[in-house]
Amino acid sequence: MSENKLAEAQALNAGAQLWIIKNDPDLYWWKKLDLHSKYLLSQNLRKPKKEHPIEIQNILNATDMTLQQSDYSRNSLLLGTGDHFLNTWLLLWENLSDAQLVNLITLTSQQLKAESLRLFSHTHVSAQLMTRLTASSVTISYIENV
């Protein structure tokens, strides 16, 4: 496992499968990612959440099954961004403590089997991540606040 600080000019280059950024449209990097993705972020975040079709609700009710959701489902959004960036996924988060954020990143990277992460604007959690991911071969890169 290694940790790399990247310069601003390298931020959108290849080298990390999972990019992580706070969901805050006022952040420099959020705006930059939104622009470079042809407004993928702002378009996805403005859409109202869809309700599950009545057919699915009927099936769930008839089979006594419940719909399972992630603990962080309201505080994070995972987007497949391989068509927009030189990565595979983008994880947006909000309203999480540092510990919750580290848990979310750890769980998400393990579930996705991501071998490399890039943190935008939140380097203070990288030390905690390094500690949590010591057993794996995850590479963590980060971009400083601009």
N, C-alpha and C. Protein backbone atom coordinates (compact mmCIF):
# COMPACT_ATOMS: atom_id res chain seq x y z
N MET A 1 0.86 -1.18 0.00
CA MET A 1 0.00 0.00 0.00
C MET A 1 0.90 1.23 0.00
N SER A 2 0.45 2.23 -0.70
CA SER A 2 1.21 3.47 -0.73
C SER A 2 0.27 4.66 -0.77
N GLU A 3 0.84 5.82 -0.46
CA GLU A 3 0.07 7.06 -0.46
C GLU A 3 0.84 8.07 -1.30
N ASN A 4 0.14 8.75 -2.21
CA ASN A 4 0.77 9.71 -3.11
C ASN A 4 0.01 11.02 -3.09
N LYS A 5 0.74 12.12 -2.92
CA LYS A 5 0.14 13.44 -3.07
C LYS A 5 0.32 13.86 -4.51
N LEU A 6 -0.78 14.22 -5.16
CA LEU A 6 -0.74 14.61 -6.57
C LEU A 6 -0.84 16.12 -6.73
N ALA A 7 -0.21 16.62 -7.76
CA ALA A 7 -0.35 18.03 -8.10
C ALA A 7 -1.68 18.25 -8.79
N GLU A 8 -2.15 19.49 -8.79
CA GLU A 8 -3.44 19.82 -9.40
C GLU A 8 -3.49 19.35 -10.86
N ALA A 9 -2.41 19.49 -11.58
CA ALA A 9 -2.39 19.11 -13.00
C ALA A 9 -2.57 17.62 -13.22
N GLN A 10 -2.32 16.80 -12.20
CA GLN A 10 -2.45 15.35 -12.30
C GLN A 10 -3.78 14.82 -11.75
N ALA A 11 -4.60 15.68 -11.24
CA ALA A 11 -5.80 15.26 -10.53
C ALA A 11 -6.74 14.40 -11.36
N LEU A 12 -6.91 14.72 -12.63
CA LEU A 12 -7.87 13.99 -13.45
C LEU A 12 -7.21 12.93 -14.33
N ASN A 13 -5.93 12.66 -14.06
CA ASN A 13 -5.22 11.62 -14.79
C ASN A 13 -5.63 10.24 -14.30
N ALA A 14 -5.30 9.22 -15.08
CA ALA A 14 -5.53 7.84 -14.67
C ALA A 14 -4.66 7.52 -13.46
N GLY A 15 -4.99 6.44 -12.79
CA GLY A 15 -4.16 6.01 -11.67
C GLY A 15 -4.97 5.60 -10.45
N ALA A 16 -6.27 5.81 -10.46
CA ALA A 16 -7.10 5.38 -9.33
C ALA A 16 -8.46 4.93 -9.87
N GLN A 17 -8.92 3.80 -9.39
CA GLN A 17 -10.22 3.27 -9.83
C GLN A 17 -11.38 4.01 -9.19
N LEU A 18 -11.24 4.36 -7.93
CA LEU A 18 -12.32 4.98 -7.17
C LEU A 18 -11.90 6.38 -6.73
N TRP A 19 -12.65 7.37 -7.18
CA TRP A 19 -12.41 8.75 -6.76
C TRP A 19 -13.46 9.11 -5.71
N ILE A 20 -13.04 9.86 -4.69
CA ILE A 20 -13.90 10.19 -3.57
C ILE A 20 -13.89 11.69 -3.35
N ILE A 21 -15.08 12.29 -3.29
CA ILE A 21 -15.18 13.73 -3.09
C ILE A 21 -16.43 14.04 -2.27
N LYS A 22 -16.34 15.07 -1.47
CA LYS A 22 -17.51 15.53 -0.72
C LYS A 22 -18.52 16.12 -1.70
N ASN A 23 -19.77 15.82 -1.47
CA ASN A 23 -20.84 16.34 -2.33
C ASN A 23 -21.16 17.77 -1.91
N ASP A 24 -20.36 18.68 -2.41
CA ASP A 24 -20.53 20.09 -2.09
C ASP A 24 -20.26 20.90 -3.36
N PRO A 25 -21.32 21.39 -4.03
CA PRO A 25 -21.14 22.13 -5.28
C PRO A 25 -20.30 23.39 -5.15
N ASP A 26 -20.00 23.83 -3.94
CA ASP A 26 -19.15 25.00 -3.77
C ASP A 26 -17.66 24.67 -3.79
N LEU A 27 -17.32 23.38 -3.71
CA LEU A 27 -15.92 22.99 -3.72
C LEU A 27 -15.31 23.13 -5.12
N TYR A 28 -14.08 23.56 -5.15
CA TYR A 28 -13.35 23.72 -6.41
C TYR A 28 -13.35 22.42 -7.21
N TRP A 29 -12.98 21.30 -6.56
CA TRP A 29 -12.86 20.04 -7.29
C TRP A 29 -14.21 19.50 -7.71
N TRP A 30 -15.27 19.73 -6.95
CA TRP A 30 -16.62 19.30 -7.34
C TRP A 30 -17.00 20.00 -8.64
N LYS A 31 -16.77 21.30 -8.70
CA LYS A 31 -17.08 22.07 -9.92
C LYS A 31 -16.26 21.57 -11.11
N LYS A 32 -15.00 21.30 -10.86
CA LYS A 32 -14.11 20.84 -11.93
C LYS A 32 -14.55 19.47 -12.45
N LEU A 33 -14.89 18.56 -11.55
CA LEU A 33 -15.37 17.23 -11.97
C LEU A 33 -16.70 17.34 -12.69
N ASP A 34 -17.57 18.20 -12.21
CA ASP A 34 -18.88 18.38 -12.86
C ASP A 34 -18.69 18.90 -14.29
N LEU A 35 -17.83 19.88 -14.45
CA LEU A 35 -17.57 20.44 -15.77
C LEU A 35 -16.96 19.39 -16.71
N HIS A 36 -15.95 18.68 -16.24
CA HIS A 36 -15.27 17.70 -17.08
C HIS A 36 -16.13 16.48 -17.40
N SER A 37 -17.18 16.26 -16.64
CA SER A 37 -18.08 15.13 -16.91
C SER A 37 -19.32 15.58 -17.68
N LYS A 38 -19.29 16.79 -18.19
CA LYS A 38 -20.44 17.37 -18.90
C LYS A 38 -21.65 17.42 -17.97
N TYR A 39 -21.40 17.83 -16.74
CA TYR A 39 -22.42 18.08 -15.72
C TYR A 39 -23.13 16.81 -15.24
N LEU A 40 -22.40 15.72 -15.21
CA LEU A 40 -22.91 14.46 -14.68
C LEU A 40 -23.37 14.61 -13.23
N LEU A 41 -22.58 15.29 -12.43
CA LEU A 41 -22.92 15.41 -11.01
C LEU A 41 -24.17 16.23 -10.80
N SER A 42 -24.19 17.42 -11.34
CA SER A 42 -25.35 18.28 -11.10
C SER A 42 -26.61 17.70 -11.72
N GLN A 43 -26.51 17.01 -12.84
CA GLN A 43 -27.69 16.40 -13.45
C GLN A 43 -28.22 15.25 -12.60
N ASN A 44 -27.33 14.42 -12.07
CA ASN A 44 -27.76 13.28 -11.26
C ASN A 44 -28.29 13.71 -9.90
N LEU A 45 -27.75 14.74 -9.35
CA LEU A 45 -28.13 15.14 -8.00
C LEU A 45 -29.40 15.99 -7.98
N ARG A 46 -29.78 16.55 -9.12
CA ARG A 46 -31.01 17.34 -9.18
C ARG A 46 -32.24 16.47 -9.38
N LYS A 47 -32.04 15.28 -9.90
CA LYS A 47 -33.18 14.40 -10.17
C LYS A 47 -33.78 13.91 -8.86
N PRO A 48 -35.11 13.92 -8.77
CA PRO A 48 -35.72 13.37 -7.56
C PRO A 48 -35.54 11.86 -7.54
N LYS A 49 -35.45 11.31 -6.33
CA LYS A 49 -35.33 9.86 -6.21
C LYS A 49 -36.60 9.20 -6.70
N LYS A 50 -36.42 8.13 -7.44
CA LYS A 50 -37.57 7.39 -7.94
C LYS A 50 -38.10 6.46 -6.86
N GLU A 51 -39.39 6.38 -6.78
CA GLU A 51 -40.02 5.41 -5.90
C GLU A 51 -39.96 4.05 -6.58
N HIS A 52 -39.96 3.01 -5.78
CA HIS A 52 -39.98 1.67 -6.35
C HIS A 52 -41.34 1.42 -6.99
N PRO A 53 -41.36 0.78 -8.15
CA PRO A 53 -42.64 0.50 -8.79
C PRO A 53 -43.55 -0.31 -7.88
N ILE A 54 -44.83 -0.13 -8.04
CA ILE A 54 -45.83 -0.82 -7.21
C ILE A 54 -45.69 -2.33 -7.33
N GLU A 55 -45.28 -2.82 -8.51
CA GLU A 55 -45.10 -4.26 -8.70
C GLU A 55 -44.03 -4.82 -7.76
N ILE A 56 -42.95 -4.07 -7.60
CA ILE A 56 -41.89 -4.51 -6.69
C ILE A 56 -42.39 -4.48 -5.26
N GLN A 57 -43.12 -3.45 -4.90
CA GLN A 57 -43.68 -3.38 -3.54
C GLN A 57 -44.63 -4.55 -3.30
N ASN A 58 -45.44 -4.88 -4.29
CA ASN A 58 -46.37 -6.01 -4.16
C ASN A 58 -45.61 -7.32 -3.95
N ILE A 59 -44.54 -7.52 -4.73
CA ILE A 59 -43.74 -8.74 -4.58
C ILE A 59 -43.11 -8.80 -3.21
N LEU A 60 -42.56 -7.69 -2.75
CA LEU A 60 -41.94 -7.64 -1.42
C LEU A 60 -42.96 -7.94 -0.34
N ASN A 61 -44.14 -7.35 -0.46
CA ASN A 61 -45.20 -7.60 0.52
C ASN A 61 -45.67 -9.05 0.49
N ALA A 62 -45.84 -9.61 -0.71
CA ALA A 62 -46.34 -10.99 -0.84
C ALA A 62 -45.34 -12.01 -0.33
N THR A 63 -44.06 -11.71 -0.41
CA THR A 63 -43.03 -12.67 0.00
C THR A 63 -42.45 -12.35 1.38
N ASP A 64 -43.01 -11.35 2.05
CA ASP A 64 -42.51 -10.93 3.37
C ASP A 64 -41.03 -10.57 3.34
N MET A 65 -40.59 -10.05 2.21
CA MET A 65 -39.21 -9.60 2.10
C MET A 65 -39.15 -8.10 2.33
N THR A 66 -38.00 -7.64 2.74
CA THR A 66 -37.81 -6.20 2.93
C THR A 66 -36.72 -5.72 1.99
N LEU A 67 -36.80 -4.48 1.66
CA LEU A 67 -35.81 -3.85 0.80
C LEU A 67 -34.62 -3.46 1.66
N GLN A 68 -33.44 -3.93 1.30
CA GLN A 68 -32.23 -3.64 2.05
C GLN A 68 -31.55 -2.41 1.49
N GLN A 69 -31.14 -1.52 2.36
CA GLN A 69 -30.41 -0.33 1.93
C GLN A 69 -29.18 -0.17 2.78
N SER A 70 -28.17 0.43 2.19
CA SER A 70 -26.92 0.69 2.90
C SER A 70 -27.15 1.67 4.04
N ASP A 71 -26.34 1.54 5.08
CA ASP A 71 -26.41 2.48 6.20
C ASP A 71 -26.15 3.91 5.75
N TYR A 72 -25.35 4.07 4.70
CA TYR A 72 -24.96 5.39 4.24
C TYR A 72 -25.72 5.82 2.99
N SER A 73 -26.81 5.13 2.68
CA SER A 73 -27.48 5.38 1.41
C SER A 73 -27.93 6.83 1.25
N ARG A 74 -28.25 7.51 2.33
CA ARG A 74 -28.68 8.91 2.22
C ARG A 74 -27.50 9.87 2.21
N ASN A 75 -26.35 9.37 2.60
CA ASN A 75 -25.18 10.24 2.72
C ASN A 75 -24.12 9.99 1.66
N SER A 76 -24.42 9.12 0.71
CA SER A 76 -23.43 8.85 -0.33
C SER A 76 -24.11 8.45 -1.62
N LEU A 77 -23.37 8.64 -2.68
CA LEU A 77 -23.84 8.26 -4.01
C LEU A 77 -22.64 7.73 -4.78
N LEU A 78 -22.78 6.53 -5.33
CA LEU A 78 -21.72 5.91 -6.11
C LEU A 78 -22.12 5.95 -7.57
N LEU A 79 -21.29 6.56 -8.39
CA LEU A 79 -21.56 6.69 -9.82
C LEU A 79 -20.51 5.93 -10.62
N GLY A 80 -20.95 5.22 -11.64
CA GLY A 80 -20.01 4.62 -12.59
C GLY A 80 -19.57 5.72 -13.55
N THR A 81 -18.30 6.02 -13.58
CA THR A 81 -17.83 7.18 -14.34
C THR A 81 -16.77 6.83 -15.38
N GLY A 82 -16.67 5.57 -15.73
CA GLY A 82 -15.66 5.14 -16.70
C GLY A 82 -15.81 5.82 -18.06
N ASP A 83 -17.01 6.24 -18.43
CA ASP A 83 -17.21 6.92 -19.70
C ASP A 83 -16.87 8.41 -19.64
N HIS A 84 -16.64 8.92 -18.44
CA HIS A 84 -16.41 10.36 -18.27
C HIS A 84 -14.99 10.69 -17.81
N PHE A 85 -14.38 9.78 -17.06
CA PHE A 85 -13.05 10.02 -16.50
C PHE A 85 -12.17 8.80 -16.73
N LEU A 86 -10.91 8.93 -16.36
CA LEU A 86 -9.97 7.82 -16.45
C LEU A 86 -9.98 7.04 -15.13
N ASN A 87 -11.19 6.66 -14.72
CA ASN A 87 -11.39 5.88 -13.51
C ASN A 87 -12.58 4.95 -13.76
N THR A 88 -13.07 4.32 -12.70
CA THR A 88 -14.24 3.45 -12.83
C THR A 88 -15.43 3.99 -12.07
N TRP A 89 -15.18 4.50 -10.84
CA TRP A 89 -16.27 4.97 -9.99
C TRP A 89 -15.93 6.32 -9.36
N LEU A 90 -17.00 7.01 -8.99
CA LEU A 90 -16.89 8.25 -8.23
C LEU A 90 -17.84 8.14 -7.05
N LEU A 91 -17.31 8.31 -5.85
CA LEU A 91 -18.10 8.24 -4.63
C LEU A 91 -18.27 9.65 -4.07
N LEU A 92 -19.50 10.11 -4.01
CA LEU A 92 -19.82 11.41 -3.42
C LEU A 92 -20.37 11.15 -2.02
N TRP A 93 -19.98 11.97 -1.06
CA TRP A 93 -20.46 11.79 0.30
C TRP A 93 -20.80 13.13 0.91
N GLU A 94 -21.63 13.09 1.95
CA GLU A 94 -21.95 14.31 2.71
C GLU A 94 -22.47 13.91 4.08
N ASN A 95 -22.37 14.83 5.00
CA ASN A 95 -22.89 14.66 6.36
C ASN A 95 -22.36 13.42 7.06
N LEU A 96 -21.07 13.17 6.95
CA LEU A 96 -20.44 12.05 7.63
C LEU A 96 -19.28 12.55 8.48
N SER A 97 -19.12 11.95 9.64
CA SER A 97 -17.95 12.25 10.45
C SER A 97 -16.74 11.60 9.78
N ASP A 98 -15.53 11.94 10.24
CA ASP A 98 -14.33 11.34 9.67
C ASP A 98 -14.37 9.82 9.81
N ALA A 99 -14.80 9.33 10.98
CA ALA A 99 -14.87 7.89 11.22
C ALA A 99 -15.88 7.23 10.28
N GLN A 100 -17.03 7.84 10.10
CA GLN A 100 -18.03 7.29 9.18
C GLN A 100 -17.52 7.31 7.74
N LEU A 101 -16.82 8.36 7.37
CA LEU A 101 -16.27 8.46 6.03
C LEU A 101 -15.24 7.37 5.79
N VAL A 102 -14.37 7.15 6.75
CA VAL A 102 -13.37 6.10 6.63
C VAL A 102 -14.06 4.74 6.50
N ASN A 103 -15.11 4.50 7.30
CA ASN A 103 -15.86 3.24 7.20
C ASN A 103 -16.49 3.10 5.82
N LEU A 104 -17.09 4.16 5.32
CA LEU A 104 -17.73 4.13 4.00
C LEU A 104 -16.71 3.84 2.91
N ILE A 105 -15.58 4.53 2.93
CA ILE A 105 -14.55 4.32 1.91
C ILE A 105 -14.00 2.91 1.99
N THR A 106 -13.74 2.44 3.19
CA THR A 106 -13.21 1.09 3.37
C THR A 106 -14.18 0.04 2.84
N LEU A 107 -15.44 0.14 3.24
CA LEU A 107 -16.46 -0.81 2.81
C LEU A 107 -16.66 -0.75 1.30
N THR A 108 -16.78 0.45 0.75
CA THR A 108 -17.00 0.61 -0.69
C THR A 108 -15.83 0.07 -1.49
N SER A 109 -14.61 0.39 -1.09
CA SER A 109 -13.44 -0.08 -1.84
C SER A 109 -13.33 -1.60 -1.76
N GLN A 110 -13.69 -2.19 -0.63
CA GLN A 110 -13.65 -3.65 -0.52
C GLN A 110 -14.73 -4.30 -1.38
N GLN A 111 -15.93 -3.75 -1.35
CA GLN A 111 -17.02 -4.32 -2.15
C GLN A 111 -16.74 -4.19 -3.65
N LEU A 112 -16.12 -3.10 -4.06
CA LEU A 112 -15.80 -2.89 -5.47
C LEU A 112 -14.49 -3.55 -5.88
N LYS A 113 -13.76 -4.04 -4.88
CA LYS A 113 -12.42 -4.60 -5.10
C LYS A 113 -11.51 -3.58 -5.77
N ALA A 114 -11.66 -2.34 -5.34
CA ALA A 114 -10.83 -1.26 -5.88
C ALA A 114 -9.44 -1.32 -5.27
N GLU A 115 -8.45 -1.31 -6.11
CA GLU A 115 -7.06 -1.38 -5.65
C GLU A 115 -6.42 -0.01 -5.51
N SER A 116 -7.15 1.02 -5.94
CA SER A 116 -6.59 2.37 -5.86
C SER A 116 -7.70 3.39 -5.63
N LEU A 117 -7.42 4.35 -4.77
CA LEU A 117 -8.37 5.40 -4.39
C LEU A 117 -7.74 6.76 -4.63
N ARG A 118 -8.58 7.74 -4.93
CA ARG A 118 -8.12 9.12 -5.00
C ARG A 118 -9.08 9.99 -4.21
N LEU A 119 -8.55 10.69 -3.23
CA LEU A 119 -9.33 11.59 -2.39
C LEU A 119 -9.17 13.01 -2.91
N PHE A 120 -10.29 13.68 -3.12
CA PHE A 120 -10.27 15.08 -3.53
C PHE A 120 -10.64 15.94 -2.34
N SER A 121 -9.71 16.79 -1.92
CA SER A 121 -9.96 17.83 -0.92
C SER A 121 -10.04 17.36 0.52
N HIS A 122 -9.91 16.09 0.79
CA HIS A 122 -10.02 15.64 2.18
C HIS A 122 -8.85 14.75 2.57
N THR A 123 -7.68 15.34 2.68
CA THR A 123 -6.49 14.58 3.00
C THR A 123 -6.43 14.17 4.46
N HIS A 124 -7.20 14.83 5.33
CA HIS A 124 -7.12 14.51 6.75
C HIS A 124 -7.61 13.12 7.07
N VAL A 125 -8.35 12.48 6.20
CA VAL A 125 -8.80 11.11 6.47
C VAL A 125 -7.83 10.07 5.91
N SER A 126 -6.85 10.50 5.12
CA SER A 126 -5.96 9.52 4.49
C SER A 126 -5.14 8.75 5.53
N ALA A 127 -4.73 9.39 6.62
CA ALA A 127 -3.99 8.67 7.66
C ALA A 127 -4.84 7.58 8.29
N GLN A 128 -6.11 7.89 8.55
CA GLN A 128 -7.02 6.88 9.10
C GLN A 128 -7.23 5.75 8.08
N LEU A 129 -7.36 6.12 6.81
CA LEU A 129 -7.53 5.11 5.77
C LEU A 129 -6.30 4.21 5.68
N MET A 130 -5.13 4.80 5.74
CA MET A 130 -3.90 4.03 5.67
C MET A 130 -3.88 2.99 6.78
N THR A 131 -4.30 3.39 7.97
CA THR A 131 -4.33 2.47 9.10
C THR A 131 -5.33 1.35 8.86
N ARG A 132 -6.52 1.68 8.36
CA ARG A 132 -7.57 0.69 8.13
C ARG A 132 -7.24 -0.27 6.99
N LEU A 133 -6.51 0.20 6.00
CA LEU A 133 -6.26 -0.61 4.81
C LEU A 133 -4.87 -1.22 4.78
N THR A 134 -4.23 -1.35 5.94
CA THR A 134 -2.85 -1.84 5.98
C THR A 134 -2.70 -3.26 5.46
N ALA A 135 -3.74 -4.07 5.59
CA ALA A 135 -3.64 -5.47 5.15
C ALA A 135 -3.82 -5.61 3.64
N SER A 136 -4.29 -4.60 2.98
CA SER A 136 -4.55 -4.72 1.54
C SER A 136 -3.46 -4.01 0.75
N SER A 137 -3.58 -4.11 -0.56
CA SER A 137 -2.59 -3.46 -1.43
C SER A 137 -3.20 -2.23 -2.10
N VAL A 138 -4.01 -1.50 -1.36
CA VAL A 138 -4.68 -0.32 -1.88
C VAL A 138 -3.71 0.85 -1.97
N THR A 139 -3.72 1.52 -3.11
CA THR A 139 -2.93 2.73 -3.29
C THR A 139 -3.85 3.92 -3.09
N ILE A 140 -3.43 4.85 -2.26
CA ILE A 140 -4.24 6.04 -1.98
C ILE A 140 -3.50 7.27 -2.51
N SER A 141 -4.16 8.01 -3.39
CA SER A 141 -3.62 9.29 -3.83
C SER A 141 -4.59 10.37 -3.40
N TYR A 142 -4.08 11.58 -3.25
CA TYR A 142 -4.96 12.65 -2.82
C TYR A 142 -4.52 13.97 -3.45
N ILE A 143 -5.51 14.84 -3.56
CA ILE A 143 -5.29 16.16 -4.12
C ILE A 143 -5.54 17.15 -2.99
N GLU A 144 -4.65 18.08 -2.81
CA GLU A 144 -4.81 19.09 -1.77
C GLU A 144 -5.94 20.04 -2.12
N ASN A 145 -6.50 20.68 -1.11
CA ASN A 145 -7.48 21.75 -1.34
C ASN A 145 -6.84 22.85 -2.16
N VAL A 146 -7.61 23.43 -3.05
CA VAL A 146 -7.10 24.53 -3.89
C VAL A 146 -7.79 25.81 -3.49
